[in-house]
Amino acid sequence: MIKSGLKWMFLIIGTIIGAGYASGRELWQFFGHGSSLAILLFTLMFTSCCYTIMSISYQKQTGHYLPVLRAIVGKHLTGIYDWMIIIYLFTTTVVMLAGSGATWQAFHFSYRFGVLAIVIPLVLLFVWDVKGIVIVNSFVLPLLIAGLLFVLILFISDQQLSLFGYVSEMDNWMSAFPFTALNILPLIAVLGAIGNQMKHKGEVWIASVGSGVLIGTISYLYNNSLIQISEDIILYEIPLFAILKHYPYEMMLFMSAMLWIAIFTTAASGTLGLVTRFREYVRQPLWILALGLIAVMLPLTSFGFSTLIQYLYPLYGFLNLYVLAALLIHPAISRYKSR
């Protein structure tokens, strides 16, 4: 049960810690100064939402997200949010493919080589169905989390920063709601695909609480570090590199590899949500569905990754506020109906 719970925990974190989050761009877009209370609220709401989504998935033993979405927003709004999830996952995955191209380009490889470097393992991942992405996440996510925490703790220690120096600054607390809402759509898509693989309710508790505490801690440390270099962030498309400039080039190489892993896990989660959604209509192995979807995405990879984060992420965060509210009150409504 513990092993399975940790497996789902890494799947959740792999869905959330994408290139936008790992680079620091997404956190700085929503948080920054005065966000201690916002990050605490995000942690609590994120844990609650993960628990609710996983509980519904477990109870219904789902193989894709549609039954979970219907239970959350009702049958009348399911169609609207279904399309929103499809568009969100599609656009996010396109940008991750483009992000891989840009990452390899920075090291003097061709852009096309960089895109192929993610496309080939992404398709191969689904040869093993859903188990492929779960196994890969279990291996690469601990490495990504450890790398990110190492850099942040090292920076905080070297700069002699106070971990609690900004706790009293709470005026940005409202940003917790759109930030949490933004991250809900991919969670519904991914966790809805694994309901039929959960065996015990305890897995839900381990995964939801574990991922909430871990993502909340990383968010607080990361935001605290970014505040220290706020004047430099404007000069960097990837804020993490403003932290890394204080360290040897080898550290930059290592964290660039970690960023690529974050890009890969986000692309894998987005593809998982899409292929499991369409599997019942196109009865083919998941890798063939993944290959078809990615082939459609490839011509669109010319769009930039920072553009998506700047314009689409806040828009999705706003549109998903209803889903966030529905998830937060769902446990109370379920108890009322069961009486």
C-alpha atoms as a PDB file:
ATOM      1  CA  MET A   1       0.000   0.000   0.000  1.00  0.00           C
ATOM      2  CA  ILE A   2       2.815   2.452   0.920  1.00  0.00           C
ATOM      3  CA  LYS A   3       4.733   1.607  -2.265  1.00  0.00           C
ATOM      4  CA  SER A   4       1.623   2.183  -4.410  1.00  0.00           C
ATOM      5  CA  GLY A   5       0.818   5.407  -2.545  1.00  0.00           C
ATOM      6  CA  LEU A   6       4.318   6.748  -3.217  1.00  0.00           C
ATOM      7  CA  LYS A   7       3.971   5.701  -6.864  1.00  0.00           C
ATOM      8  CA  TRP A   8       0.829   7.840  -7.251  1.00  0.00           C
ATOM      9  CA  MET A   9       2.475  10.643  -5.259  1.00  0.00           C
ATOM     10  CA  PHE A  10       5.284  10.845  -7.830  1.00  0.00           C
ATOM     11  CA  LEU A  11       2.713  10.751 -10.632  1.00  0.00           C
ATOM     12  CA  ILE A  12       0.976  13.787  -9.088  1.00  0.00           C
ATOM     13  CA  ILE A  13       4.253  15.662  -8.596  1.00  0.00           C
ATOM     14  CA  GLY A  14       5.370  14.769 -12.131  1.00  0.00           C
ATOM     15  CA  THR A  15       2.156  16.320 -13.431  1.00  0.00           C
ATOM     16  CA  ILE A  16       2.645  19.541 -11.439  1.00  0.00           C
ATOM     17  CA  ILE A  17       6.434  20.057 -11.611  1.00  0.00           C
ATOM     18  CA  GLY A  18       6.619  20.758 -15.301  1.00  0.00           C
ATOM     19  CA  ALA A  19       8.987  23.065 -17.090  1.00  0.00           C
ATOM     20  CA  GLY A  20       6.985  26.142 -16.032  1.00  0.00           C
ATOM     21  CA  TYR A  21       7.192  25.222 -12.341  1.00  0.00           C
ATOM     22  CA  ALA A  22      10.753  23.838 -12.315  1.00  0.00           C
ATOM     23  CA  SER A  23      12.097  26.893 -14.145  1.00  0.00           C
ATOM     24  CA  GLY A  24      10.539  29.201 -11.525  1.00  0.00           C
ATOM     25  CA  ARG A  25       8.564  31.134 -14.161  1.00  0.00           C
ATOM     26  CA  GLU A  26       5.161  29.787 -13.106  1.00  0.00           C
ATOM     27  CA  LEU A  27       5.776  30.418  -9.376  1.00  0.00           C
ATOM     28  CA  TRP A  28       6.989  33.971 -10.005  1.00  0.00           C
ATOM     29  CA  GLN A  29       3.966  34.633 -12.263  1.00  0.00           C
ATOM     30  CA  PHE A  30       1.544  33.909  -9.402  1.00  0.00           C
ATOM     31  CA  PHE A  31       3.476  34.400  -6.148  1.00  0.00           C
ATOM     32  CA  GLY A  32       6.564  36.525  -5.412  1.00  0.00           C
ATOM     33  CA  HIS A  33       6.515  39.049  -2.552  1.00  0.00           C
ATOM     34  CA  GLY A  34       3.918  38.689   0.210  1.00  0.00           C
ATOM     35  CA  SER A  35       2.930  35.108  -0.675  1.00  0.00           C
ATOM     36  CA  SER A  36       3.601  33.050   2.479  1.00  0.00           C
ATOM     37  CA  LEU A  37      -0.100  32.689   3.298  1.00  0.00           C
ATOM     38  CA  ALA A  38      -0.873  32.103  -0.391  1.00  0.00           C
ATOM     39  CA  ILE A  39       1.546  29.138  -0.514  1.00  0.00           C
ATOM     40  CA  LEU A  40       0.081  27.697   2.706  1.00  0.00           C
ATOM     41  CA  LEU A  41      -3.465  28.005   1.316  1.00  0.00           C
ATOM     42  CA  PHE A  42      -2.321  26.437  -1.966  1.00  0.00           C
ATOM     43  CA  THR A  43      -0.788  23.488  -0.062  1.00  0.00           C
ATOM     44  CA  LEU A  44      -4.005  22.852   1.897  1.00  0.00           C
ATOM     45  CA  MET A  45      -6.296  23.201  -1.139  1.00  0.00           C
ATOM     46  CA  PHE A  46      -4.002  21.121  -3.339  1.00  0.00           C
ATOM     47  CA  THR A  47      -3.966  18.281  -0.783  1.00  0.00           C
ATOM     48  CA  SER A  48      -7.754  18.428  -0.425  1.00  0.00           C
ATOM     49  CA  CYS A  49      -8.303  18.431  -4.224  1.00  0.00           C
ATOM     50  CA  CYS A  50      -5.916  15.510  -4.779  1.00  0.00           C
ATOM     51  CA  TYR A  51      -7.713  13.534  -2.079  1.00  0.00           C
ATOM     52  CA  THR A  52     -11.155  14.228  -3.590  1.00  0.00           C
ATOM     53  CA  ILE A  53     -10.112  13.436  -7.185  1.00  0.00           C
ATOM     54  CA  MET A  54      -8.347  10.218  -6.153  1.00  0.00           C
ATOM     55  CA  SER A  55     -11.263   9.153  -3.932  1.00  0.00           C
ATOM     56  CA  ILE A  56     -13.716   9.516  -6.820  1.00  0.00           C
ATOM     57  CA  SER A  57     -11.313   7.679  -9.179  1.00  0.00           C
ATOM     58  CA  TYR A  58     -10.888   4.878  -6.644  1.00  0.00           C
ATOM     59  CA  GLN A  59     -14.618   4.522  -5.928  1.00  0.00           C
ATOM     60  CA  LYS A  60     -15.540   4.470  -9.614  1.00  0.00           C
ATOM     61  CA  GLN A  61     -12.440   2.430 -10.635  1.00  0.00           C
ATOM     62  CA  THR A  62     -11.985   4.710 -13.641  1.00  0.00           C
ATOM     63  CA  GLY A  63      -9.752   4.220 -16.678  1.00  0.00           C
ATOM     64  CA  HIS A  64     -10.086   7.824 -17.932  1.00  0.00           C
ATOM     65  CA  TYR A  65     -11.107  11.177 -16.476  1.00  0.00           C
ATOM     66  CA  LEU A  66     -14.671  11.666 -17.820  1.00  0.00           C
ATOM     67  CA  PRO A  67     -16.550   9.904 -14.945  1.00  0.00           C
ATOM     68  CA  VAL A  68     -14.456  11.872 -12.422  1.00  0.00           C
ATOM     69  CA  LEU A  69     -15.151  15.170 -14.183  1.00  0.00           C
ATOM     70  CA  ARG A  70     -18.894  14.374 -14.295  1.00  0.00           C
ATOM     71  CA  ALA A  71     -18.919  13.691 -10.539  1.00  0.00           C
ATOM     72  CA  ILE A  72     -17.185  17.033  -9.852  1.00  0.00           C
ATOM     73  CA  VAL A  73     -18.930  19.545 -12.151  1.00  0.00           C
ATOM     74  CA  GLY A  74     -22.205  17.727 -12.971  1.00  0.00           C
ATOM     75  CA  LYS A  75     -23.362  16.353 -16.316  1.00  0.00           C
ATOM     76  CA  HIS A  76     -24.416  19.761 -17.731  1.00  0.00           C
ATOM     77  CA  LEU A  77     -20.923  21.292 -17.493  1.00  0.00           C
ATOM     78  CA  THR A  78     -18.978  18.098 -18.214  1.00  0.00           C
ATOM     79  CA  GLY A  79     -18.917  18.727 -21.980  1.00  0.00           C
ATOM     80  CA  ILE A  80     -17.469  22.249 -21.575  1.00  0.00           C
ATOM     81  CA  TYR A  81     -14.748  21.217 -19.139  1.00  0.00           C
ATOM     82  CA  ASP A  82     -14.000  18.067 -21.134  1.00  0.00           C
ATOM     83  CA  TRP A  83     -13.054  20.266 -24.110  1.00  0.00           C
ATOM     84  CA  MET A  84     -11.108  22.591 -21.819  1.00  0.00           C
ATOM     85  CA  ILE A  85      -9.066  19.641 -20.526  1.00  0.00           C
ATOM     86  CA  ILE A  86      -8.419  18.341 -24.047  1.00  0.00           C
ATOM     87  CA  ILE A  87      -7.278  21.791 -25.277  1.00  0.00           C
ATOM     88  CA  TYR A  88      -5.211  22.394 -22.118  1.00  0.00           C
ATOM     89  CA  LEU A  89      -3.422  19.037 -22.324  1.00  0.00           C
ATOM     90  CA  PHE A  90      -2.878  19.416 -26.063  1.00  0.00           C
ATOM     91  CA  THR A  91      -1.439  22.958 -25.872  1.00  0.00           C
ATOM     92  CA  THR A  92       0.710  22.154 -22.831  1.00  0.00           C
ATOM     93  CA  THR A  93       2.186  19.086 -24.516  1.00  0.00           C
ATOM     94  CA  VAL A  94       2.904  21.075 -27.691  1.00  0.00           C
ATOM     95  CA  VAL A  95       4.804  23.635 -25.644  1.00  0.00           C
ATOM     96  CA  MET A  96       6.763  20.905 -23.818  1.00  0.00           C
ATOM     97  CA  LEU A  97       7.861  19.479 -27.189  1.00  0.00           C
ATOM     98  CA  ALA A  98       8.936  22.990 -28.216  1.00  0.00           C
ATOM     99  CA  GLY A  99      10.669  23.425 -24.849  1.00  0.00           C
ATOM    100  CA  SER A 100      12.725  20.294 -25.471  1.00  0.00           C
ATOM    101  CA  GLY A 101      13.774  21.688 -28.861  1.00  0.00           C
ATOM    102  CA  ALA A 102      14.808  24.996 -27.267  1.00  0.00           C
ATOM    103  CA  THR A 103      16.691  23.231 -24.438  1.00  0.00           C
ATOM    104  CA  TRP A 104      18.834  21.166 -26.820  1.00  0.00           C
ATOM    105  CA  GLN A 105      19.287  24.215 -29.060  1.00  0.00           C
ATOM    106  CA  ALA A 106      20.904  26.028 -26.130  1.00  0.00           C
ATOM    107  CA  PHE A 107      23.623  23.352 -26.210  1.00  0.00           C
ATOM    108  CA  HIS A 108      24.203  23.859 -29.958  1.00  0.00           C
ATOM    109  CA  PHE A 109      22.074  20.952 -31.216  1.00  0.00           C
ATOM    110  CA  SER A 110      19.446  21.539 -33.894  1.00  0.00           C
ATOM    111  CA  TYR A 111      15.910  22.431 -32.818  1.00  0.00           C
ATOM    112  CA  ARG A 112      14.510  19.387 -34.673  1.00  0.00           C
ATOM    113  CA  PHE A 113      16.948  17.095 -32.872  1.00  0.00           C
ATOM    114  CA  GLY A 114      15.715  18.504 -29.557  1.00  0.00           C
ATOM    115  CA  VAL A 115      12.090  17.816 -30.469  1.00  0.00           C
ATOM    116  CA  LEU A 116      12.903  14.259 -31.630  1.00  0.00           C
ATOM    117  CA  ALA A 117      14.854  13.708 -28.392  1.00  0.00           C
ATOM    118  CA  ILE A 118      11.568  13.921 -26.481  1.00  0.00           C
ATOM    119  CA  VAL A 119       9.156  12.509 -29.098  1.00  0.00           C
ATOM    120  CA  ILE A 120      10.845   9.097 -29.479  1.00  0.00           C
ATOM    121  CA  PRO A 121      11.044   8.178 -25.745  1.00  0.00           C
ATOM    122  CA  LEU A 122       7.552   9.664 -25.241  1.00  0.00           C
ATOM    123  CA  VAL A 123       5.994   7.278 -27.770  1.00  0.00           C
ATOM    124  CA  LEU A 124       8.067   4.317 -26.505  1.00  0.00           C
ATOM    125  CA  LEU A 125       6.893   5.047 -22.956  1.00  0.00           C
ATOM    126  CA  PHE A 126       3.330   4.051 -23.893  1.00  0.00           C
ATOM    127  CA  VAL A 127       4.365   0.658 -25.264  1.00  0.00           C
ATOM    128  CA  TRP A 128       3.982  -0.431 -21.604  1.00  0.00           C
ATOM    129  CA  ASP A 129       0.567   1.269 -21.347  1.00  0.00           C
ATOM    130  CA  VAL A 130      -0.095   3.347 -18.187  1.00  0.00           C
ATOM    131  CA  LYS A 131       2.527   1.340 -16.256  1.00  0.00           C
ATOM    132  CA  GLY A 132       5.272   2.873 -18.408  1.00  0.00           C
ATOM    133  CA  ILE A 133       4.700   6.429 -17.208  1.00  0.00           C
ATOM    134  CA  VAL A 134       4.214   5.321 -13.581  1.00  0.00           C
ATOM    135  CA  ILE A 135       7.524   3.392 -13.563  1.00  0.00           C
ATOM    136  CA  VAL A 136       9.462   6.233 -15.241  1.00  0.00           C
ATOM    137  CA  ASN A 137       8.014   8.799 -12.797  1.00  0.00           C
ATOM    138  CA  SER A 138       9.039   6.589  -9.863  1.00  0.00           C
ATOM    139  CA  PHE A 139      12.661   6.705 -11.086  1.00  0.00           C
ATOM    140  CA  VAL A 140      13.135  10.240 -12.423  1.00  0.00           C
ATOM    141  CA  LEU A 141      10.958  12.283 -10.037  1.00  0.00           C
ATOM    142  CA  PRO A 142      13.024  11.586  -6.885  1.00  0.00           C
ATOM    143  CA  LEU A 143      16.078  12.734  -8.871  1.00  0.00           C
ATOM    144  CA  LEU A 144      14.320  15.909 -10.044  1.00  0.00           C
ATOM    145  CA  ILE A 145      13.000  16.753  -6.563  1.00  0.00           C
ATOM    146  CA  ALA A 146      16.368  16.052  -4.916  1.00  0.00           C
ATOM    147  CA  GLY A 147      18.171  18.203  -7.514  1.00  0.00           C
ATOM    148  CA  LEU A 148      15.786  21.115  -7.093  1.00  0.00           C
ATOM    149  CA  LEU A 149      15.839  20.941  -3.278  1.00  0.00           C
ATOM    150  CA  PHE A 150      19.653  20.677  -3.287  1.00  0.00           C
ATOM    151  CA  VAL A 151      20.050  23.857  -5.365  1.00  0.00           C
ATOM    152  CA  LEU A 152      17.472  25.795  -3.318  1.00  0.00           C
ATOM    153  CA  ILE A 153      18.865  24.749   0.088  1.00  0.00           C
ATOM    154  CA  LEU A 154      22.437  25.435  -1.101  1.00  0.00           C
ATOM    155  CA  PHE A 155      21.431  28.900  -2.322  1.00  0.00           C
ATOM    156  CA  ILE A 156      19.554  29.704   0.907  1.00  0.00           C
ATOM    157  CA  SER A 157      22.557  28.515   2.952  1.00  0.00           C
ATOM    158  CA  ASP A 158      25.185  30.355   0.862  1.00  0.00           C
ATOM    159  CA  GLN A 159      23.218  33.594   0.835  1.00  0.00           C
ATOM    160  CA  GLN A 160      22.426  33.164   4.561  1.00  0.00           C
ATOM    161  CA  LEU A 161      18.737  33.726   3.927  1.00  0.00           C
ATOM    162  CA  SER A 162      16.141  33.459   6.636  1.00  0.00           C
ATOM    163  CA  LEU A 163      13.648  30.671   5.939  1.00  0.00           C
ATOM    164  CA  PHE A 164      10.930  32.583   7.753  1.00  0.00           C
ATOM    165  CA  GLY A 165      11.894  36.132   6.856  1.00  0.00           C
ATOM    166  CA  TYR A 166       8.789  36.713   4.730  1.00  0.00           C
ATOM    167  CA  VAL A 167       6.187  34.793   6.754  1.00  0.00           C
ATOM    168  CA  SER A 168       4.543  38.003   8.010  1.00  0.00           C
ATOM    169  CA  GLU A 169       3.985  39.270   4.432  1.00  0.00           C
ATOM    170  CA  MET A 170       0.575  37.936   3.424  1.00  0.00           C
ATOM    171  CA  ASP A 171      -1.026  40.536   1.136  1.00  0.00           C
ATOM    172  CA  ASN A 172      -0.862  38.298  -1.979  1.00  0.00           C
ATOM    173  CA  TRP A 173      -2.987  35.503  -0.437  1.00  0.00           C
ATOM    174  CA  MET A 174      -5.648  35.645  -3.190  1.00  0.00           C
ATOM    175  CA  SER A 175      -3.172  34.265  -5.755  1.00  0.00           C
ATOM    176  CA  ALA A 176      -3.470  30.841  -4.075  1.00  0.00           C
ATOM    177  CA  PHE A 177      -6.872  30.322  -5.732  1.00  0.00           C
ATOM    178  CA  PRO A 178      -5.982  30.772  -9.449  1.00  0.00           C
ATOM    179  CA  PHE A 179      -2.659  28.942  -8.928  1.00  0.00           C
ATOM    180  CA  THR A 180      -4.405  25.924  -7.373  1.00  0.00           C
ATOM    181  CA  ALA A 181      -7.163  26.079  -9.989  1.00  0.00           C
ATOM    182  CA  LEU A 182      -4.595  26.110 -12.801  1.00  0.00           C
ATOM    183  CA  ASN A 183      -3.097  22.826 -11.624  1.00  0.00           C
ATOM    184  CA  ILE A 184      -6.413  21.006 -11.199  1.00  0.00           C
ATOM    185  CA  LEU A 185      -7.223  20.219 -14.858  1.00  0.00           C
ATOM    186  CA  PRO A 186      -4.152  18.069 -15.530  1.00  0.00           C
ATOM    187  CA  LEU A 187      -4.642  16.347 -12.151  1.00  0.00           C
ATOM    188  CA  ILE A 188      -8.203  15.344 -13.030  1.00  0.00           C
ATOM    189  CA  ALA A 189      -6.994  14.048 -16.402  1.00  0.00           C
ATOM    190  CA  VAL A 190      -4.092  12.020 -14.994  1.00  0.00           C
ATOM    191  CA  LEU A 191      -5.623  10.721 -11.746  1.00  0.00           C
ATOM    192  CA  GLY A 192      -8.829   9.796 -13.570  1.00  0.00           C
ATOM    193  CA  ALA A 193      -6.771   7.404 -15.696  1.00  0.00           C
ATOM    194  CA  ILE A 194      -5.470   5.329 -12.758  1.00  0.00           C
ATOM    195  CA  GLY A 195      -8.592   4.713 -10.639  1.00  0.00           C
ATOM    196  CA  ASN A 196      -8.823   1.085 -11.769  1.00  0.00           C
ATOM    197  CA  GLN A 197      -5.223   0.486 -10.652  1.00  0.00           C
ATOM    198  CA  MET A 198      -5.716   1.585  -7.035  1.00  0.00           C
ATOM    199  CA  LYS A 199      -6.330  -1.291  -4.591  1.00  0.00           C
ATOM    200  CA  HIS A 200      -6.583   0.416  -1.174  1.00  0.00           C
ATOM    201  CA  LYS A 201      -8.028   3.687   0.123  1.00  0.00           C
ATOM    202  CA  GLY A 202      -4.786   4.194   2.059  1.00  0.00           C
ATOM    203  CA  GLU A 203      -3.014   4.852  -1.256  1.00  0.00           C
ATOM    204  CA  VAL A 204      -5.203   7.946  -1.642  1.00  0.00           C
ATOM    205  CA  TRP A 205      -4.107   9.344   1.736  1.00  0.00           C
ATOM    206  CA  ILE A 206      -0.393   8.694   1.170  1.00  0.00           C
ATOM    207  CA  ALA A 207      -0.398  10.195  -2.331  1.00  0.00           C
ATOM    208  CA  SER A 208      -2.503  13.284  -1.587  1.00  0.00           C
ATOM    209  CA  VAL A 209      -0.899  14.289   1.742  1.00  0.00           C
ATOM    210  CA  GLY A 210       2.634  13.380   0.599  1.00  0.00           C
ATOM    211  CA  SER A 211       2.402  15.332  -2.657  1.00  0.00           C
ATOM    212  CA  GLY A 212       0.757  18.325  -0.936  1.00  0.00           C
ATOM    213  CA  VAL A 213       3.435  18.619   1.760  1.00  0.00           C
ATOM    214  CA  LEU A 214       6.289  18.111  -0.724  1.00  0.00           C
ATOM    215  CA  ILE A 215       5.022  20.543  -3.363  1.00  0.00           C
ATOM    216  CA  GLY A 216       4.160  23.126  -0.681  1.00  0.00           C
ATOM    217  CA  THR A 217       7.661  22.921   0.849  1.00  0.00           C
ATOM    218  CA  ILE A 218       9.406  23.230  -2.527  1.00  0.00           C
ATOM    219  CA  SER A 219       7.134  26.153  -3.492  1.00  0.00           C
ATOM    220  CA  TYR A 220       7.946  28.038  -0.285  1.00  0.00           C
ATOM    221  CA  LEU A 221      11.719  27.496  -0.569  1.00  0.00           C
ATOM    222  CA  TYR A 222      11.716  28.342  -4.291  1.00  0.00           C
ATOM    223  CA  ASN A 223       9.632  31.500  -3.872  1.00  0.00           C
ATOM    224  CA  ASN A 224      11.770  32.624  -0.934  1.00  0.00           C
ATOM    225  CA  SER A 225      14.896  32.227  -3.109  1.00  0.00           C
ATOM    226  CA  LEU A 226      13.367  34.067  -6.078  1.00  0.00           C
ATOM    227  CA  ILE A 227      12.459  37.035  -3.876  1.00  0.00           C
ATOM    228  CA  GLN A 228      16.177  37.503  -3.124  1.00  0.00           C
ATOM    229  CA  ILE A 229      17.020  37.821  -6.836  1.00  0.00           C
ATOM    230  CA  SER A 230      13.853  39.636  -7.944  1.00  0.00           C
ATOM    231  CA  GLU A 231      15.877  42.404  -9.642  1.00  0.00           C
ATOM    232  CA  ASP A 232      17.710  39.822 -11.801  1.00  0.00           C
ATOM    233  CA  ILE A 233      14.666  37.764 -12.837  1.00  0.00           C
ATOM    234  CA  ILE A 234      13.667  40.249 -15.556  1.00  0.00           C
ATOM    235  CA  LEU A 235      16.961  39.438 -17.331  1.00  0.00           C
ATOM    236  CA  TYR A 236      16.259  35.671 -17.456  1.00  0.00           C
ATOM    237  CA  GLU A 237      13.500  33.774 -19.267  1.00  0.00           C
ATOM    238  CA  ILE A 238      14.226  30.924 -16.835  1.00  0.00           C
ATOM    239  CA  PRO A 239      14.434  32.399 -13.281  1.00  0.00           C
ATOM    240  CA  LEU A 240      16.232  29.285 -12.005  1.00  0.00           C
ATOM    241  CA  PHE A 241      19.283  30.340 -14.039  1.00  0.00           C
ATOM    242  CA  ALA A 242      19.429  33.601 -12.059  1.00  0.00           C
ATOM    243  CA  ILE A 243      20.038  31.416  -8.980  1.00  0.00           C
ATOM    244  CA  LEU A 244      22.463  29.123 -10.804  1.00  0.00           C
ATOM    245  CA  LYS A 245      24.695  31.992 -11.997  1.00  0.00           C
ATOM    246  CA  HIS A 246      26.273  31.911  -8.529  1.00  0.00           C
ATOM    247  CA  TYR A 247      27.542  28.363  -9.120  1.00  0.00           C
ATOM    248  CA  PRO A 248      29.923  26.491 -11.481  1.00  0.00           C
ATOM    249  CA  TYR A 249      28.918  25.687 -15.061  1.00  0.00           C
ATOM    250  CA  GLU A 250      28.555  21.980 -14.148  1.00  0.00           C
ATOM    251  CA  MET A 251      25.652  22.892 -11.855  1.00  0.00           C
ATOM    252  CA  MET A 252      23.988  24.681 -14.766  1.00  0.00           C
ATOM    253  CA  LEU A 253      24.399  21.553 -16.925  1.00  0.00           C
ATOM    254  CA  PHE A 254      22.957  19.323 -14.192  1.00  0.00           C
ATOM    255  CA  MET A 255      19.900  21.533 -13.635  1.00  0.00           C
ATOM    256  CA  SER A 256      19.372  21.876 -17.395  1.00  0.00           C
ATOM    257  CA  ALA A 257      19.099  18.074 -17.468  1.00  0.00           C
ATOM    258  CA  MET A 258      16.634  18.280 -14.558  1.00  0.00           C
ATOM    259  CA  LEU A 259      14.585  20.865 -16.466  1.00  0.00           C
ATOM    260  CA  TRP A 260      14.461  18.550 -19.458  1.00  0.00           C
ATOM    261  CA  ILE A 261      13.190  15.753 -17.179  1.00  0.00           C
ATOM    262  CA  ALA A 262      10.484  18.158 -15.939  1.00  0.00           C
ATOM    263  CA  ILE A 263       9.556  18.904 -19.568  1.00  0.00           C
ATOM    264  CA  PHE A 264       9.403  15.167 -20.304  1.00  0.00           C
ATOM    265  CA  THR A 265       7.213  14.297 -17.287  1.00  0.00           C
ATOM    266  CA  THR A 266       4.768  17.104 -18.141  1.00  0.00           C
ATOM    267  CA  ALA A 267       4.577  15.969 -21.776  1.00  0.00           C
ATOM    268  CA  ALA A 268       4.084  12.362 -20.622  1.00  0.00           C
ATOM    269  CA  SER A 269       1.279  13.342 -18.201  1.00  0.00           C
ATOM    270  CA  GLY A 270      -0.466  15.431 -20.866  1.00  0.00           C
ATOM    271  CA  THR A 271      -0.231  12.617 -23.419  1.00  0.00           C
ATOM    272  CA  LEU A 272      -1.485  10.107 -20.822  1.00  0.00           C
ATOM    273  CA  GLY A 273      -4.592  12.200 -20.152  1.00  0.00           C
ATOM    274  CA  LEU A 274      -5.315  12.504 -23.877  1.00  0.00           C
ATOM    275  CA  VAL A 275      -4.699   8.895 -24.967  1.00  0.00           C
ATOM    276  CA  THR A 276      -6.734   7.390 -22.113  1.00  0.00           C
ATOM    277  CA  ARG A 277      -9.578   9.811 -22.948  1.00  0.00           C
ATOM    278  CA  PHE A 278      -9.724   8.685 -26.602  1.00  0.00           C
ATOM    279  CA  ARG A 279      -8.905   4.998 -26.070  1.00  0.00           C
ATOM    280  CA  GLU A 280     -12.566   3.912 -26.003  1.00  0.00           C
ATOM    281  CA  TYR A 281     -13.213   5.583 -29.387  1.00  0.00           C
ATOM    282  CA  VAL A 282     -10.042   4.385 -31.123  1.00  0.00           C
ATOM    283  CA  ARG A 283      -9.369   0.855 -29.942  1.00  0.00           C
ATOM    284  CA  GLN A 284      -5.625   0.792 -30.530  1.00  0.00           C
ATOM    285  CA  PRO A 285      -2.624   0.338 -28.216  1.00  0.00           C
ATOM    286  CA  LEU A 286      -1.752   3.504 -26.297  1.00  0.00           C
ATOM    287  CA  TRP A 287       1.574   3.949 -28.111  1.00  0.00           C
ATOM    288  CA  ILE A 288      -0.210   4.162 -31.483  1.00  0.00           C
ATOM    289  CA  LEU A 289      -2.614   6.777 -30.074  1.00  0.00           C
ATOM    290  CA  ALA A 290       0.364   8.672 -28.626  1.00  0.00           C
ATOM    291  CA  LEU A 291       2.166   8.535 -31.979  1.00  0.00           C
ATOM    292  CA  GLY A 292      -0.904   9.882 -33.811  1.00  0.00           C
ATOM    293  CA  LEU A 293      -1.446  12.725 -31.342  1.00  0.00           C
ATOM    294  CA  ILE A 294       2.205  13.770 -31.321  1.00  0.00           C
ATOM    295  CA  ALA A 295       2.280  13.735 -35.138  1.00  0.00           C
ATOM    296  CA  VAL A 296      -0.555  16.305 -35.081  1.00  0.00           C
ATOM    297  CA  MET A 297       1.318  18.380 -32.469  1.00  0.00           C
ATOM    298  CA  LEU A 298       4.672  18.557 -34.253  1.00  0.00           C
ATOM    299  CA  PRO A 299       3.763  21.340 -36.750  1.00  0.00           C
ATOM    300  CA  LEU A 300       2.603  23.509 -33.830  1.00  0.00           C
ATOM    301  CA  THR A 301       5.871  23.372 -31.866  1.00  0.00           C
ATOM    302  CA  SER A 302       6.933  26.789 -33.183  1.00  0.00           C
ATOM    303  CA  PHE A 303       4.923  28.442 -30.382  1.00  0.00           C
ATOM    304  CA  GLY A 304       7.030  29.514 -27.399  1.00  0.00           C
ATOM    305  CA  PHE A 305       6.874  28.165 -23.878  1.00  0.00           C
ATOM    306  CA  SER A 306       6.999  31.493 -22.050  1.00  0.00           C
ATOM    307  CA  THR A 307       4.067  32.796 -24.150  1.00  0.00           C
ATOM    308  CA  LEU A 308       1.840  29.976 -22.911  1.00  0.00           C
ATOM    309  CA  ILE A 309       2.718  30.626 -19.276  1.00  0.00           C
ATOM    310  CA  GLN A 310       2.202  34.387 -19.620  1.00  0.00           C
ATOM    311  CA  TYR A 311      -1.225  34.317 -21.312  1.00  0.00           C
ATOM    312  CA  LEU A 312      -2.871  30.884 -21.165  1.00  0.00           C
ATOM    313  CA  TYR A 313      -1.955  29.879 -17.598  1.00  0.00           C
ATOM    314  CA  PRO A 314      -3.666  32.848 -15.880  1.00  0.00           C
ATOM    315  CA  LEU A 315      -6.688  32.372 -18.181  1.00  0.00           C
ATOM    316  CA  TYR A 316      -6.990  28.681 -17.273  1.00  0.00           C
ATOM    317  CA  GLY A 317      -6.450  29.527 -13.615  1.00  0.00           C
ATOM    318  CA  PHE A 318      -9.444  31.888 -13.756  1.00  0.00           C
ATOM    319  CA  LEU A 319     -11.711  29.511 -15.732  1.00  0.00           C
ATOM    320  CA  ASN A 320     -10.970  26.630 -13.363  1.00  0.00           C
ATOM    321  CA  LEU A 321     -12.074  28.484 -10.221  1.00  0.00           C
ATOM    322  CA  TYR A 322     -15.483  26.816 -10.508  1.00  0.00           C
ATOM    323  CA  VAL A 323     -13.843  23.363 -10.605  1.00  0.00           C
ATOM    324  CA  LEU A 324     -11.745  24.301  -7.564  1.00  0.00           C
ATOM    325  CA  ALA A 325     -14.850  25.391  -5.637  1.00  0.00           C
ATOM    326  CA  ALA A 326     -16.707  22.214  -6.666  1.00  0.00           C
ATOM    327  CA  LEU A 327     -13.786  20.043  -5.492  1.00  0.00           C
ATOM    328  CA  LEU A 328     -13.463  21.815  -2.138  1.00  0.00           C
ATOM    329  CA  ILE A 329     -17.171  21.437  -1.289  1.00  0.00           C
ATOM    330  CA  HIS A 330     -17.541  17.936  -2.803  1.00  0.00           C
ATOM    331  CA  PRO A 331     -16.750  16.035   0.451  1.00  0.00           C
ATOM    332  CA  ALA A 332     -19.431  18.010   2.342  1.00  0.00           C
ATOM    333  CA  ILE A 333     -22.013  17.462  -0.412  1.00  0.00           C
ATOM    334  CA  SER A 334     -21.216  13.718  -0.528  1.00  0.00           C
ATOM    335  CA  ARG A 335     -21.730  13.387   3.225  1.00  0.00           C
ATOM    336  CA  TYR A 336     -25.034  15.277   2.994  1.00  0.00           C
ATOM    337  CA  LYS A 337     -26.312  13.040   0.165  1.00  0.00           C
ATOM    338  CA  SER A 338     -25.296   9.856   1.989  1.00  0.00           C
ATOM    339  CA  ARG A 339     -27.475  10.692   4.999  1.00  0.00           C
END
